[in-house]
Amino acid sequence: MEKEEISAGERITVGQVTLLPILRTVAHCRKGSRGIIGSGSREVLGVVVLSPAGHRAISVSGESVPLENYISQVPEIEELLRGG
């Protein structure tokens, strides 16, 4: 069995700029000869930058990506964009 989740990490705010890491968490679980074997991983996919100058999304490789890509995966980003 494999379970994957895309979520927002803990917000980091410096002055009027907020950084929101976008995380991918994967959990693996399978039956082994001596019981259950489990493993997992977590990686940063990118960062959403919220500032008075505007909002943008940056992938972990440093490239700009459409903000909608992350909003569709992590709906709570929309609330942050509205000031929540």
C-alpha atoms as a PDB file:
ATOM      1  CA  MET A   1       0.000   0.000   0.000  1.00  0.00           C
ATOM      2  CA  GLU A   2       1.190   3.499  -0.790  1.00  0.00           C
ATOM      3  CA  LYS A   3      -0.335   6.767   0.355  1.00  0.00           C
ATOM      4  CA  GLU A   4       0.674  10.188  -0.950  1.00  0.00           C
ATOM      5  CA  GLU A   5      -0.332  13.587   0.375  1.00  0.00           C
ATOM      6  CA  ILE A   6       0.477  17.105  -0.799  1.00  0.00           C
ATOM      7  CA  SER A   7       0.194  19.648   2.016  1.00  0.00           C
ATOM      8  CA  ALA A   8       1.390  22.998   3.269  1.00  0.00           C
ATOM      9  CA  GLY A   9       4.199  23.107   5.782  1.00  0.00           C
ATOM     10  CA  GLU A  10       4.588  25.546   8.630  1.00  0.00           C
ATOM     11  CA  ARG A  11       4.444  29.193   7.548  1.00  0.00           C
ATOM     12  CA  ILE A  12       7.527  31.339   7.937  1.00  0.00           C
ATOM     13  CA  THR A  13       6.888  35.081   8.210  1.00  0.00           C
ATOM     14  CA  VAL A  14       9.588  37.729   8.059  1.00  0.00           C
ATOM     15  CA  GLY A  15       8.224  41.267   8.143  1.00  0.00           C
ATOM     16  CA  GLN A  16       5.442  41.384   5.564  1.00  0.00           C
ATOM     17  CA  VAL A  17       6.639  38.356   3.585  1.00  0.00           C
ATOM     18  CA  THR A  18       5.254  34.885   4.282  1.00  0.00           C
ATOM     19  CA  LEU A  19       6.820  31.722   2.885  1.00  0.00           C
ATOM     20  CA  LEU A  20       4.668  28.616   2.709  1.00  0.00           C
ATOM     21  CA  PRO A  21       6.508  25.397   1.864  1.00  0.00           C
ATOM     22  CA  ILE A  22       4.575  22.842  -0.199  1.00  0.00           C
ATOM     23  CA  LEU A  23       5.366  19.301   0.949  1.00  0.00           C
ATOM     24  CA  ARG A  24       4.891  15.867  -0.594  1.00  0.00           C
ATOM     25  CA  THR A  25       4.618  13.055   1.951  1.00  0.00           C
ATOM     26  CA  VAL A  26       4.652   9.409   0.858  1.00  0.00           C
ATOM     27  CA  ALA A  27       4.069   6.424   3.150  1.00  0.00           C
ATOM     28  CA  HIS A  28       4.706   2.836   2.072  1.00  0.00           C
ATOM     29  CA  CYS A  29       3.477  -0.205   3.933  1.00  0.00           C
ATOM     30  CA  ARG A  30       3.665  -3.856   2.928  1.00  0.00           C
ATOM     31  CA  LYS A  31       3.516  -7.257   4.470  1.00  0.00           C
ATOM     32  CA  GLY A  32       6.859  -8.936   4.893  1.00  0.00           C
ATOM     33  CA  SER A  33       7.800 -12.448   5.915  1.00  0.00           C
ATOM     34  CA  ARG A  34       8.270 -11.345   9.539  1.00  0.00           C
ATOM     35  CA  GLY A  35       5.510  -8.739   9.830  1.00  0.00           C
ATOM     36  CA  ILE A  36       4.667  -5.374   8.401  1.00  0.00           C
ATOM     37  CA  ILE A  37       7.339  -3.219   6.782  1.00  0.00           C
ATOM     38  CA  GLY A  38       6.821   0.520   6.623  1.00  0.00           C
ATOM     39  CA  SER A  39       8.761   3.459   5.280  1.00  0.00           C
ATOM     40  CA  GLY A  40       8.087   7.041   4.358  1.00  0.00           C
ATOM     41  CA  SER A  41       9.553  10.169   2.898  1.00  0.00           C
ATOM     42  CA  ARG A  42       8.871  13.882   2.823  1.00  0.00           C
ATOM     43  CA  GLU A  43      10.169  16.357   0.302  1.00  0.00           C
ATOM     44  CA  VAL A  44       9.667  20.035  -0.451  1.00  0.00           C
ATOM     45  CA  LEU A  45       8.066  20.586  -3.869  1.00  0.00           C
ATOM     46  CA  GLY A  46       8.200  24.359  -3.788  1.00  0.00           C
ATOM     47  CA  VAL A  47       7.364  27.535  -1.903  1.00  0.00           C
ATOM     48  CA  VAL A  48       4.468  29.956  -2.123  1.00  0.00           C
ATOM     49  CA  VAL A  49       5.578  33.549  -1.451  1.00  0.00           C
ATOM     50  CA  LEU A  50       2.938  35.930  -0.086  1.00  0.00           C
ATOM     51  CA  SER A  51       3.874  39.608   0.102  1.00  0.00           C
ATOM     52  CA  PRO A  52       2.301  43.052  -0.353  1.00  0.00           C
ATOM     53  CA  ALA A  53       4.029  43.205  -3.760  1.00  0.00           C
ATOM     54  CA  GLY A  54       2.171  40.094  -4.931  1.00  0.00           C
ATOM     55  CA  HIS A  55       1.979  36.335  -4.653  1.00  0.00           C
ATOM     56  CA  ARG A  56       4.031  33.790  -6.535  1.00  0.00           C
ATOM     57  CA  ALA A  57       5.013  30.146  -6.491  1.00  0.00           C
ATOM     58  CA  ILE A  58       8.519  28.819  -6.948  1.00  0.00           C
ATOM     59  CA  SER A  59       9.476  25.180  -7.480  1.00  0.00           C
ATOM     60  CA  VAL A  60      12.295  23.621  -5.500  1.00  0.00           C
ATOM     61  CA  SER A  61      14.492  23.974  -8.602  1.00  0.00           C
ATOM     62  CA  GLY A  62      13.961  27.767  -8.487  1.00  0.00           C
ATOM     63  CA  GLU A  63      11.596  28.079 -11.440  1.00  0.00           C
ATOM     64  CA  SER A  64       8.363  30.082 -11.292  1.00  0.00           C
ATOM     65  CA  VAL A  65       5.270  27.900 -11.513  1.00  0.00           C
ATOM     66  CA  PRO A  66       1.611  28.903 -11.823  1.00  0.00           C
ATOM     67  CA  LEU A  67       0.210  29.518  -8.340  1.00  0.00           C
ATOM     68  CA  GLU A  68      -2.908  27.587  -9.399  1.00  0.00           C
ATOM     69  CA  ASN A  69      -0.827  24.384  -9.517  1.00  0.00           C
ATOM     70  CA  TYR A  70      -0.313  24.496  -5.762  1.00  0.00           C
ATOM     71  CA  ILE A  71      -3.797  25.867  -4.999  1.00  0.00           C
ATOM     72  CA  SER A  72      -5.399  22.861  -6.715  1.00  0.00           C
ATOM     73  CA  GLN A  73      -3.303  20.508  -4.567  1.00  0.00           C
ATOM     74  CA  VAL A  74      -3.527  22.460  -1.270  1.00  0.00           C
ATOM     75  CA  PRO A  75      -6.864  24.334  -1.014  1.00  0.00           C
ATOM     76  CA  GLU A  76      -5.862  26.127   2.224  1.00  0.00           C
ATOM     77  CA  ILE A  77      -3.553  28.356   0.151  1.00  0.00           C
ATOM     78  CA  GLU A  78      -6.653  30.151  -1.167  1.00  0.00           C
ATOM     79  CA  GLU A  79      -7.586  31.169   2.375  1.00  0.00           C
ATOM     80  CA  LEU A  80      -4.105  32.598   2.922  1.00  0.00           C
ATOM     81  CA  LEU A  81      -4.363  34.585  -0.304  1.00  0.00           C
ATOM     82  CA  ARG A  82      -7.571  36.147   1.011  1.00  0.00           C
ATOM     83  CA  GLY A  83      -5.754  37.197   4.176  1.00  0.00           C
ATOM     84  CA  GLY A  84      -6.801  34.294   6.410  1.00  0.00           C
END
